[in-house]
Amino acid sequence: MTDLRPLSDRVLVKCEEGATKTPGGLLIPDNAKEKPAHGKVVAVGSGRVLPDGSVRKVDVSVGDKVLYSKYSGTEVKLAGEDYLVIREDDILGILQ
């Protein structure tokens, strides 16, 4: 667990590692790897404040595996691990 608590409708996601080998067994160099677009939710904010003052809770929960927009969010490094802070709107779906 991290010490970062996202605010509002933001979600902290632990990035999944990209493939290191091709299906044929060739190693992929770091500069040629694709940026991952899925990960595991580590923390969620309290939700979005609506114009009437009520709070709409975030639809994802800690532990959910999510698919998100490839170039969304802000990359952060906590305790040597790569994380992404993204808005709930950038989450495309929950992987089953």
PDB file of N, CA and C in Angstrom:
ATOM      1  N   MET A   1       0.850  -1.191   0.000  1.00  0.00           N
ATOM      2  CA  MET A   1       0.000   0.000   0.000  1.00  0.00           C
ATOM      3  C   MET A   1       0.882   1.235   0.000  1.00  0.00           C
ATOM      4  N   THR A   2       0.406   2.288  -0.618  1.00  0.00           N
ATOM      5  CA  THR A   2       1.159   3.533  -0.706  1.00  0.00           C
ATOM      6  C   THR A   2       0.608   4.549   0.285  1.00  0.00           C
ATOM      7  N   ASP A   3       1.365   5.605   0.472  1.00  0.00           N
ATOM      8  CA  ASP A   3       0.930   6.683   1.354  1.00  0.00           C
ATOM      9  C   ASP A   3       0.220   7.794   0.598  1.00  0.00           C
ATOM     10  N   LEU A   4      -0.072   7.586  -0.675  1.00  0.00           N
ATOM     11  CA  LEU A   4      -0.733   8.599  -1.495  1.00  0.00           C
ATOM     12  C   LEU A   4      -2.228   8.319  -1.556  1.00  0.00           C
ATOM     13  N   ARG A   5      -3.031   9.317  -1.195  1.00  0.00           N
ATOM     14  CA  ARG A   5      -4.482   9.212  -1.280  1.00  0.00           C
ATOM     15  C   ARG A   5      -4.958  10.180  -2.349  1.00  0.00           C
ATOM     16  N   PRO A   6      -5.512   9.667  -3.451  1.00  0.00           N
ATOM     17  CA  PRO A   6      -5.987  10.546  -4.519  1.00  0.00           C
ATOM     18  C   PRO A   6      -7.154  11.413  -4.042  1.00  0.00           C
ATOM     19  N   LEU A   7      -7.274  12.581  -4.639  1.00  0.00           N
ATOM     20  CA  LEU A   7      -8.367  13.489  -4.302  1.00  0.00           C
ATOM     21  C   LEU A   7      -9.458  13.427  -5.361  1.00  0.00           C
ATOM     22  N   SER A   8     -10.649  13.831  -4.984  1.00  0.00           N
ATOM     23  CA  SER A   8     -11.786  13.964  -5.884  1.00  0.00           C
ATOM     24  C   SER A   8     -12.049  12.659  -6.645  1.00  0.00           C
ATOM     25  N   ASP A   9     -12.124  12.727  -7.989  1.00  0.00           N
ATOM     26  CA  ASP A   9     -12.444  11.539  -8.790  1.00  0.00           C
ATOM     27  C   ASP A   9     -11.182  10.916  -9.386  1.00  0.00           C
ATOM     28  N   ARG A  10     -10.053  11.117  -8.742  1.00  0.00           N
ATOM     29  CA  ARG A  10      -8.805  10.533  -9.244  1.00  0.00           C
ATOM     30  C   ARG A  10      -8.587   9.144  -8.666  1.00  0.00           C
ATOM     31  N   VAL A  11      -7.832   8.333  -9.426  1.00  0.00           N
ATOM     32  CA  VAL A  11      -7.577   6.943  -9.069  1.00  0.00           C
ATOM     33  C   VAL A  11      -6.081   6.693  -9.194  1.00  0.00           C
ATOM     34  N   LEU A  12      -5.484   5.996  -8.233  1.00  0.00           N
ATOM     35  CA  LEU A  12      -4.078   5.612  -8.284  1.00  0.00           C
ATOM     36  C   LEU A  12      -4.000   4.179  -8.794  1.00  0.00           C
ATOM     37  N   VAL A  13      -3.294   3.995  -9.916  1.00  0.00           N
ATOM     38  CA  VAL A  13      -3.205   2.693 -10.580  1.00  0.00           C
ATOM     39  C   VAL A  13      -1.765   2.223 -10.595  1.00  0.00           C
ATOM     40  N   LYS A  14      -1.527   0.966 -10.217  1.00  0.00           N
ATOM     41  CA  LYS A  14      -0.210   0.326 -10.331  1.00  0.00           C
ATOM     42  C   LYS A  14      -0.096  -0.175 -11.753  1.00  0.00           C
ATOM     43  N   CYS A  15       0.856   0.375 -12.503  1.00  0.00           N
ATOM     44  CA  CYS A  15       1.014   0.033 -13.910  1.00  0.00           C
ATOM     45  C   CYS A  15       1.482  -1.408 -14.070  1.00  0.00           C
ATOM     46  N   GLU A  16       0.882  -2.105 -15.028  1.00  0.00           N
ATOM     47  CA  GLU A  16       1.316  -3.449 -15.378  1.00  0.00           C
ATOM     48  C   GLU A  16       2.551  -3.347 -16.256  1.00  0.00           C
ATOM     49  N   GLU A  17       3.447  -4.297 -16.139  1.00  0.00           N
ATOM     50  CA  GLU A  17       4.651  -4.310 -16.960  1.00  0.00           C
ATOM     51  C   GLU A  17       4.303  -4.658 -18.397  1.00  0.00           C
ATOM     52  N   GLY A  18       4.961  -4.019 -19.356  1.00  0.00           N
ATOM     53  CA  GLY A  18       4.781  -4.346 -20.760  1.00  0.00           C
ATOM     54  C   GLY A  18       5.543  -5.615 -21.098  1.00  0.00           C
ATOM     55  N   ALA A  19       5.286  -6.157 -22.265  1.00  0.00           N
ATOM     56  CA  ALA A  19       5.956  -7.385 -22.703  1.00  0.00           C
ATOM     57  C   ALA A  19       7.454  -7.122 -22.868  1.00  0.00           C
ATOM     58  N   THR A  20       8.276  -8.087 -22.443  1.00  0.00           N
ATOM     59  CA  THR A  20       9.724  -7.952 -22.581  1.00  0.00           C
ATOM     60  C   THR A  20      10.262  -8.793 -23.728  1.00  0.00           C
ATOM     61  N   LYS A  21       9.422  -9.713 -24.247  1.00  0.00           N
ATOM     62  CA  LYS A  21       9.813 -10.572 -25.366  1.00  0.00           C
ATOM     63  C   LYS A  21       8.693 -10.627 -26.389  1.00  0.00           C
ATOM     64  N   THR A  22       9.068 -10.829 -27.639  1.00  0.00           N
ATOM     65  CA  THR A  22       8.076 -11.044 -28.688  1.00  0.00           C
ATOM     66  C   THR A  22       7.597 -12.493 -28.599  1.00  0.00           C
ATOM     67  N   PRO A  23       6.487 -12.828 -29.249  1.00  0.00           N
ATOM     68  CA  PRO A  23       6.043 -14.231 -29.238  1.00  0.00           C
ATOM     69  C   PRO A  23       7.108 -15.184 -29.791  1.00  0.00           C
ATOM     70  N   GLY A  24       7.994 -14.679 -30.648  1.00  0.00           N
ATOM     71  CA  GLY A  24       9.062 -15.505 -31.214  1.00  0.00           C
ATOM     72  C   GLY A  24      10.281 -15.633 -30.306  1.00  0.00           C
ATOM     73  N   GLY A  25      10.291 -14.903 -29.170  1.00  0.00           N
ATOM     74  CA  GLY A  25      11.374 -15.023 -28.211  1.00  0.00           C
ATOM     75  C   GLY A  25      12.428 -13.933 -28.269  1.00  0.00           C
ATOM     76  N   LEU A  26      12.260 -12.939 -29.155  1.00  0.00           N
ATOM     77  CA  LEU A  26      13.219 -11.840 -29.232  1.00  0.00           C
ATOM     78  C   LEU A  26      12.994 -10.862 -28.084  1.00  0.00           C
ATOM     79  N   LEU A  27      14.075 -10.349 -27.499  1.00  0.00           N
ATOM     80  CA  LEU A  27      13.969  -9.369 -26.427  1.00  0.00           C
ATOM     81  C   LEU A  27      13.610  -8.007 -27.003  1.00  0.00           C
ATOM     82  N   ILE A  28      12.713  -7.307 -26.327  1.00  0.00           N
ATOM     83  CA  ILE A  28      12.296  -5.974 -26.756  1.00  0.00           C
ATOM     84  C   ILE A  28      13.078  -4.956 -25.920  1.00  0.00           C
ATOM     85  N   PRO A  29      13.831  -4.043 -26.559  1.00  0.00           N
ATOM     86  CA  PRO A  29      14.565  -3.032 -25.787  1.00  0.00           C
ATOM     87  C   PRO A  29      13.604  -2.065 -25.107  1.00  0.00           C
ATOM     88  N   ASP A  30      14.051  -1.446 -24.004  1.00  0.00           N
ATOM     89  CA  ASP A  30      13.197  -0.545 -23.229  1.00  0.00           C
ATOM     90  C   ASP A  30      12.619   0.591 -24.061  1.00  0.00           C
ATOM     91  N   ASN A  31      13.404   1.130 -24.987  1.00  0.00           N
ATOM     92  CA  ASN A  31      12.910   2.269 -25.762  1.00  0.00           C
ATOM     93  C   ASN A  31      11.892   1.861 -26.831  1.00  0.00           C
ATOM     94  N   ALA A  32      11.691   0.581 -27.065  1.00  0.00           N
ATOM     95  CA  ALA A  32      10.715   0.120 -28.063  1.00  0.00           C
ATOM     96  C   ALA A  32       9.462  -0.479 -27.425  1.00  0.00           C
ATOM     97  N   LYS A  33       9.441  -0.578 -26.096  1.00  0.00           N
ATOM     98  CA  LYS A  33       8.279  -1.164 -25.431  1.00  0.00           C
ATOM     99  C   LYS A  33       7.093  -0.220 -25.517  1.00  0.00           C
ATOM    100  N   GLU A  34       5.915  -0.814 -25.665  1.00  0.00           N
ATOM    101  CA  GLU A  34       4.687  -0.019 -25.668  1.00  0.00           C
ATOM    102  C   GLU A  34       4.327   0.359 -24.242  1.00  0.00           C
ATOM    103  N   LYS A  35       3.765   1.540 -24.108  1.00  0.00           N
ATOM    104  CA  LYS A  35       3.313   1.999 -22.802  1.00  0.00           C
ATOM    105  C   LYS A  35       2.092   1.162 -22.404  1.00  0.00           C
ATOM    106  N   PRO A  36       2.091   0.585 -21.185  1.00  0.00           N
ATOM    107  CA  PRO A  36       0.944  -0.238 -20.792  1.00  0.00           C
ATOM    108  C   PRO A  36      -0.319   0.606 -20.656  1.00  0.00           C
ATOM    109  N   ALA A  37      -1.467  -0.004 -20.930  1.00  0.00           N
ATOM    110  CA  ALA A  37      -2.746   0.699 -20.841  1.00  0.00           C
ATOM    111  C   ALA A  37      -3.688  -0.023 -19.883  1.00  0.00           C
ATOM    112  N   HIS A  38      -3.106  -0.798 -18.957  1.00  0.00           N
ATOM    113  CA  HIS A  38      -3.937  -1.460 -17.957  1.00  0.00           C
ATOM    114  C   HIS A  38      -3.137  -1.595 -16.668  1.00  0.00           C
ATOM    115  N   GLY A  39      -3.855  -1.723 -15.577  1.00  0.00           N
ATOM    116  CA  GLY A  39      -3.197  -1.848 -14.284  1.00  0.00           C
ATOM    117  C   GLY A  39      -4.203  -2.157 -13.197  1.00  0.00           C
ATOM    118  N   LYS A  40      -3.700  -2.186 -11.959  1.00  0.00           N
ATOM    119  CA  LYS A  40      -4.521  -2.529 -10.802  1.00  0.00           C
ATOM    120  C   LYS A  40      -4.750  -1.281  -9.951  1.00  0.00           C
ATOM    121  N   VAL A  41      -5.994  -1.047  -9.565  1.00  0.00           N
ATOM    122  CA  VAL A  41      -6.348   0.108  -8.742  1.00  0.00           C
ATOM    123  C   VAL A  41      -5.805  -0.103  -7.328  1.00  0.00           C
ATOM    124  N   VAL A  42      -5.030   0.875  -6.861  1.00  0.00           N
ATOM    125  CA  VAL A  42      -4.408   0.800  -5.536  1.00  0.00           C
ATOM    126  C   VAL A  42      -5.132   1.699  -4.534  1.00  0.00           C
ATOM    127  N   ALA A  43      -5.642   2.845  -5.008  1.00  0.00           N
ATOM    128  CA  ALA A  43      -6.364   3.773  -4.135  1.00  0.00           C
ATOM    129  C   ALA A  43      -7.326   4.598  -4.984  1.00  0.00           C
ATOM    130  N   VAL A  44      -8.426   5.031  -4.359  1.00  0.00           N
ATOM    131  CA  VAL A  44      -9.407   5.861  -5.059  1.00  0.00           C
ATOM    132  C   VAL A  44      -9.735   7.094  -4.220  1.00  0.00           C
ATOM    133  N   GLY A  45     -10.118   8.170  -4.910  1.00  0.00           N
ATOM    134  CA  GLY A  45     -10.537   9.383  -4.225  1.00  0.00           C
ATOM    135  C   GLY A  45     -11.954   9.248  -3.703  1.00  0.00           C
ATOM    136  N   SER A  46     -12.421  10.288  -3.048  1.00  0.00           N
ATOM    137  CA  SER A  46     -13.748  10.239  -2.429  1.00  0.00           C
ATOM    138  C   SER A  46     -14.884  10.422  -3.426  1.00  0.00           C
ATOM    139  N   GLY A  47     -14.590  10.952  -4.612  1.00  0.00           N
ATOM    140  CA  GLY A  47     -15.620  11.117  -5.632  1.00  0.00           C
ATOM    141  C   GLY A  47     -15.699  12.543  -6.128  1.00  0.00           C
ATOM    142  N   ARG A  48     -16.469  12.744  -7.187  1.00  0.00           N
ATOM    143  CA  ARG A  48     -16.621  14.056  -7.812  1.00  0.00           C
ATOM    144  C   ARG A  48     -17.744  14.832  -7.123  1.00  0.00           C
ATOM    145  N   VAL A  49     -17.473  16.101  -6.837  1.00  0.00           N
ATOM    146  CA  VAL A  49     -18.502  16.980  -6.268  1.00  0.00           C
ATOM    147  C   VAL A  49     -19.321  17.534  -7.418  1.00  0.00           C
ATOM    148  N   LEU A  50     -20.619  17.288  -7.383  1.00  0.00           N
ATOM    149  CA  LEU A  50     -21.543  17.730  -8.424  1.00  0.00           C
ATOM    150  C   LEU A  50     -21.975  19.174  -8.163  1.00  0.00           C
ATOM    151  N   PRO A  51     -22.518  19.849  -9.183  1.00  0.00           N
ATOM    152  CA  PRO A  51     -22.928  21.258  -9.014  1.00  0.00           C
ATOM    153  C   PRO A  51     -23.904  21.492  -7.859  1.00  0.00           C
ATOM    154  N   ASP A  52     -24.736  20.494  -7.525  1.00  0.00           N
ATOM    155  CA  ASP A  52     -25.683  20.676  -6.420  1.00  0.00           C
ATOM    156  C   ASP A  52     -25.047  20.427  -5.048  1.00  0.00           C
ATOM    157  N   GLY A  53     -23.732  20.111  -5.030  1.00  0.00           N
ATOM    158  CA  GLY A  53     -23.019  19.915  -3.767  1.00  0.00           C
ATOM    159  C   GLY A  53     -22.931  18.472  -3.316  1.00  0.00           C
ATOM    160  N   SER A  54     -23.675  17.584  -3.962  1.00  0.00           N
ATOM    161  CA  SER A  54     -23.604  16.172  -3.588  1.00  0.00           C
ATOM    162  C   SER A  54     -22.330  15.552  -4.174  1.00  0.00           C
ATOM    163  N   VAL A  55     -21.933  14.415  -3.633  1.00  0.00           N
ATOM    164  CA  VAL A  55     -20.714  13.733  -4.084  1.00  0.00           C
ATOM    165  C   VAL A  55     -21.098  12.447  -4.790  1.00  0.00           C
ATOM    166  N   ARG A  56     -20.589  12.273  -6.016  1.00  0.00           N
ATOM    167  CA  ARG A  56     -20.799  11.035  -6.777  1.00  0.00           C
ATOM    168  C   ARG A  56     -19.582  10.153  -6.572  1.00  0.00           C
ATOM    169  N   LYS A  57     -19.777   9.001  -5.948  1.00  0.00           N
ATOM    170  CA  LYS A  57     -18.679   8.069  -5.656  1.00  0.00           C
ATOM    171  C   LYS A  57     -18.031   7.560  -6.939  1.00  0.00           C
ATOM    172  N   VAL A  58     -16.777   7.156  -6.827  1.00  0.00           N
ATOM    173  CA  VAL A  58     -16.026   6.585  -7.943  1.00  0.00           C
ATOM    174  C   VAL A  58     -16.536   5.161  -8.177  1.00  0.00           C
ATOM    175  N   ASP A  59     -16.685   4.759  -9.455  1.00  0.00           N
ATOM    176  CA  ASP A  59     -17.240   3.449  -9.799  1.00  0.00           C
ATOM    177  C   ASP A  59     -16.271   2.292  -9.603  1.00  0.00           C
ATOM    178  N   VAL A  60     -14.969   2.561  -9.561  1.00  0.00           N
ATOM    179  CA  VAL A  60     -14.000   1.481  -9.398  1.00  0.00           C
ATOM    180  C   VAL A  60     -13.611   1.344  -7.931  1.00  0.00           C
ATOM    181  N   SER A  61     -13.126   0.152  -7.574  1.00  0.00           N
ATOM    182  CA  SER A  61     -12.719  -0.134  -6.204  1.00  0.00           C
ATOM    183  C   SER A  61     -11.266  -0.569  -6.178  1.00  0.00           C
ATOM    184  N   VAL A  62     -10.665  -0.480  -5.006  1.00  0.00           N
ATOM    185  CA  VAL A  62      -9.296  -0.968  -4.822  1.00  0.00           C
ATOM    186  C   VAL A  62      -9.263  -2.448  -5.170  1.00  0.00           C
ATOM    187  N   GLY A  63      -8.277  -2.842  -5.979  1.00  0.00           N
ATOM    188  CA  GLY A  63      -8.139  -4.232  -6.394  1.00  0.00           C
ATOM    189  C   GLY A  63      -8.661  -4.511  -7.794  1.00  0.00           C
ATOM    190  N   ASP A  64      -9.480  -3.602  -8.352  1.00  0.00           N
ATOM    191  CA  ASP A  64      -9.988  -3.786  -9.716  1.00  0.00           C
ATOM    192  C   ASP A  64      -8.853  -3.660 -10.722  1.00  0.00           C
ATOM    193  N   LYS A  65      -8.896  -4.496 -11.772  1.00  0.00           N
ATOM    194  CA  LYS A  65      -7.966  -4.352 -12.888  1.00  0.00           C
ATOM    195  C   LYS A  65      -8.687  -3.533 -13.946  1.00  0.00           C
ATOM    196  N   VAL A  66      -8.066  -2.422 -14.357  1.00  0.00           N
ATOM    197  CA  VAL A  66      -8.737  -1.494 -15.258  1.00  0.00           C
ATOM    198  C   VAL A  66      -7.939  -1.271 -16.542  1.00  0.00           C
ATOM    199  N   LEU A  67      -8.668  -0.908 -17.577  1.00  0.00           N
ATOM    200  CA  LEU A  67      -8.112  -0.519 -18.862  1.00  0.00           C
ATOM    201  C   LEU A  67      -8.316   0.985 -18.962  1.00  0.00           C
ATOM    202  N   TYR A  68      -7.235   1.730 -19.280  1.00  0.00           N
ATOM    203  CA  TYR A  68      -7.340   3.180 -19.331  1.00  0.00           C
ATOM    204  C   TYR A  68      -6.737   3.717 -20.621  1.00  0.00           C
ATOM    205  N   SER A  69      -7.021   4.973 -20.924  1.00  0.00           N
ATOM    206  CA  SER A  69      -6.480   5.625 -22.114  1.00  0.00           C
ATOM    207  C   SER A  69      -4.960   5.610 -22.043  1.00  0.00           C
ATOM    208  N   LYS A  70      -4.328   5.295 -23.153  1.00  0.00           N
ATOM    209  CA  LYS A  70      -2.881   5.061 -23.187  1.00  0.00           C
ATOM    210  C   LYS A  70      -2.044   6.237 -22.704  1.00  0.00           C
ATOM    211  N   TYR A  71      -2.401   7.449 -23.053  1.00  0.00           N
ATOM    212  CA  TYR A  71      -1.575   8.602 -22.695  1.00  0.00           C
ATOM    213  C   TYR A  71      -2.243   9.500 -21.658  1.00  0.00           C
ATOM    214  N   SER A  72      -3.029   8.914 -20.773  1.00  0.00           N
ATOM    215  CA  SER A  72      -3.725   9.701 -19.766  1.00  0.00           C
ATOM    216  C   SER A  72      -2.959   9.700 -18.446  1.00  0.00           C
ATOM    217  N   GLY A  73      -3.320  10.625 -17.600  1.00  0.00           N
ATOM    218  CA  GLY A  73      -2.812  10.650 -16.241  1.00  0.00           C
ATOM    219  C   GLY A  73      -1.417  11.210 -16.068  1.00  0.00           C
ATOM    220  N   THR A  74      -0.961  11.132 -14.820  1.00  0.00           N
ATOM    221  CA  THR A  74       0.352  11.612 -14.425  1.00  0.00           C
ATOM    222  C   THR A  74       1.131  10.459 -13.831  1.00  0.00           C
ATOM    223  N   GLU A  75       2.311  10.201 -14.380  1.00  0.00           N
ATOM    224  CA  GLU A  75       3.155   9.120 -13.876  1.00  0.00           C
ATOM    225  C   GLU A  75       3.841   9.568 -12.595  1.00  0.00           C
ATOM    226  N   VAL A  76       3.844   8.699 -11.582  1.00  0.00           N
ATOM    227  CA  VAL A  76       4.541   8.970 -10.329  1.00  0.00           C
ATOM    228  C   VAL A  76       5.318   7.725  -9.928  1.00  0.00           C
ATOM    229  N   LYS A  77       6.410   7.930  -9.221  1.00  0.00           N
ATOM    230  CA  LYS A  77       7.223   6.814  -8.730  1.00  0.00           C
ATOM    231  C   LYS A  77       7.195   6.879  -7.210  1.00  0.00           C
ATOM    232  N   LEU A  78       6.693   5.827  -6.577  1.00  0.00           N
ATOM    233  CA  LEU A  78       6.597   5.753  -5.124  1.00  0.00           C
ATOM    234  C   LEU A  78       7.278   4.481  -4.657  1.00  0.00           C
ATOM    235  N   ALA A  79       8.257   4.620  -3.790  1.00  0.00           N
ATOM    236  CA  ALA A  79       9.005   3.474  -3.253  1.00  0.00           C
ATOM    237  C   ALA A  79       9.566   2.607  -4.373  1.00  0.00           C
ATOM    238  N   GLY A  80      10.030   3.242  -5.443  1.00  0.00           N
ATOM    239  CA  GLY A  80      10.646   2.518  -6.552  1.00  0.00           C
ATOM    240  C   GLY A  80       9.675   1.848  -7.507  1.00  0.00           C
ATOM    241  N   GLU A  81       8.385   2.022  -7.301  1.00  0.00           N
ATOM    242  CA  GLU A  81       7.360   1.408  -8.154  1.00  0.00           C
ATOM    243  C   GLU A  81       6.711   2.491  -9.021  1.00  0.00           C
ATOM    244  N   ASP A  82       6.295   2.121 -10.234  1.00  0.00           N
ATOM    245  CA  ASP A  82       5.627   3.052 -11.143  1.00  0.00           C
ATOM    246  C   ASP A  82       4.123   3.013 -10.936  1.00  0.00           C
ATOM    247  N   TYR A  83       3.542   4.194 -10.767  1.00  0.00           N
ATOM    248  CA  TYR A  83       2.100   4.339 -10.607  1.00  0.00           C
ATOM    249  C   TYR A  83       1.617   5.409 -11.567  1.00  0.00           C
ATOM    250  N   LEU A  84       0.307   5.464 -11.734  1.00  0.00           N
ATOM    251  CA  LEU A  84      -0.323   6.456 -12.585  1.00  0.00           C
ATOM    252  C   LEU A  84      -1.515   7.024 -11.823  1.00  0.00           C
ATOM    253  N   VAL A  85      -1.610   8.354 -11.761  1.00  0.00           N
ATOM    254  CA  VAL A  85      -2.776   9.008 -11.167  1.00  0.00           C
ATOM    255  C   VAL A  85      -3.635   9.480 -12.331  1.00  0.00           C
ATOM    256  N   ILE A  86      -4.847   8.914 -12.436  1.00  0.00           N
ATOM    257  CA  ILE A  86      -5.726   9.247 -13.555  1.00  0.00           C
ATOM    258  C   ILE A  86      -7.106   9.643 -13.039  1.00  0.00           C
ATOM    259  N   ARG A  87      -7.825  10.376 -13.870  1.00  0.00           N
ATOM    260  CA  ARG A  87      -9.214  10.711 -13.549  1.00  0.00           C
ATOM    261  C   ARG A  87     -10.094   9.506 -13.874  1.00  0.00           C
ATOM    262  N   GLU A  88     -11.185   9.390 -13.184  1.00  0.00           N
ATOM    263  CA  GLU A  88     -12.109   8.280 -13.426  1.00  0.00           C
ATOM    264  C   GLU A  88     -12.591   8.286 -14.869  1.00  0.00           C
ATOM    265  N   ASP A  89     -12.727   9.459 -15.484  1.00  0.00           N
ATOM    266  CA  ASP A  89     -13.193   9.568 -16.868  1.00  0.00           C
ATOM    267  C   ASP A  89     -12.239   8.909 -17.857  1.00  0.00           C
ATOM    268  N   ASP A  90     -10.940   8.776 -17.496  1.00  0.00           N
ATOM    269  CA  ASP A  90      -9.955   8.167 -18.380  1.00  0.00           C
ATOM    270  C   ASP A  90      -9.963   6.642 -18.321  1.00  0.00           C
ATOM    271  N   ILE A  91     -10.724   6.076 -17.390  1.00  0.00           N
ATOM    272  CA  ILE A  91     -10.829   4.616 -17.284  1.00  0.00           C
ATOM    273  C   ILE A  91     -11.869   4.145 -18.293  1.00  0.00           C
ATOM    274  N   LEU A  92     -11.442   3.235 -19.165  1.00  0.00           N
ATOM    275  CA  LEU A  92     -12.317   2.740 -20.230  1.00  0.00           C
ATOM    276  C   LEU A  92     -13.174   1.573 -19.769  1.00  0.00           C
ATOM    277  N   GLY A  93     -12.682   0.784 -18.824  1.00  0.00           N
ATOM    278  CA  GLY A  93     -13.451  -0.359 -18.359  1.00  0.00           C
ATOM    279  C   GLY A  93     -12.710  -1.144 -17.296  1.00  0.00           C
ATOM    280  N   ILE A  94     -13.423  -2.063 -16.678  1.00  0.00           N
ATOM    281  CA  ILE A  94     -12.866  -2.954 -15.662  1.00  0.00           C
ATOM    282  C   ILE A  94     -12.674  -4.318 -16.308  1.00  0.00           C
ATOM    283  N   LEU A  95     -11.452  -4.858 -16.211  1.00  0.00           N
ATOM    284  CA  LEU A  95     -11.149  -6.164 -16.779  1.00  0.00           C
ATOM    285  C   LEU A  95     -11.670  -7.247 -15.849  1.00  0.00           C
ATOM    286  N   GLN A  96     -12.370  -8.228 -16.409  1.00  0.00           N
ATOM    287  CA  GLN A  96     -12.943  -9.329 -15.612  1.00  0.00           C
ATOM    288  C   GLN A  96     -11.969 -10.471 -15.491  1.00  0.00           C
TER     289      GLN A  96
END
